[in-house]
Amino acid sequence: MKSVKQIERENIKKAALFLQQSKNAVALTGAGIS
């Protein structure tokens, strides 16, 4: 069993990664539009 803290840490990492990817996607589409 994983501890709650381990799970929280993994979720934070996933969320950070997701934010980074969506920022990159927005930057790319923004560059494509302009």
Protein backbone atom coordinates (compact mmCIF):
# COMPACT_ATOMS: atom_id res chain seq x y z
CA MET A 1 0.00 0.00 0.00
CA LYS A 2 1.16 3.48 -0.80
CA SER A 3 0.97 6.09 1.90
CA VAL A 4 -1.32 9.07 1.43
CA LYS A 5 1.70 11.35 1.23
CA GLN A 6 3.21 9.29 -1.59
CA ILE A 7 -0.05 9.42 -3.52
CA GLU A 8 -0.37 13.17 -2.94
CA ARG A 9 3.19 13.71 -4.15
CA GLU A 10 2.51 11.70 -7.32
CA ASN A 11 -0.71 13.62 -7.96
CA ILE A 12 1.12 16.94 -7.56
CA LYS A 13 3.78 15.77 -10.02
CA LYS A 14 1.11 14.71 -12.51
CA ALA A 15 -0.73 18.01 -12.14
CA ALA A 16 2.49 19.99 -12.60
CA LEU A 17 3.36 17.97 -15.68
CA PHE A 18 -0.14 18.46 -17.09
CA LEU A 19 0.04 22.23 -16.51
CA GLN A 20 3.45 22.35 -18.20
CA GLN A 21 2.15 20.43 -21.22
CA SER A 22 -0.98 22.58 -21.57
CA LYS A 23 1.13 25.74 -21.32
CA ASN A 24 3.35 24.40 -24.10
CA ALA A 25 0.31 23.51 -26.19
CA VAL A 26 -1.18 26.99 -25.70
CA ALA A 27 2.16 28.57 -26.61
CA LEU A 28 2.37 26.46 -29.78
CA THR A 29 -1.19 27.14 -30.90
CA GLY A 30 -0.78 30.83 -30.04
CA ALA A 31 2.33 30.97 -32.21
CA GLY A 32 0.48 29.15 -34.98
CA ILE A 33 -2.46 31.56 -34.94
CA SER A 34 -0.47 34.81 -34.84
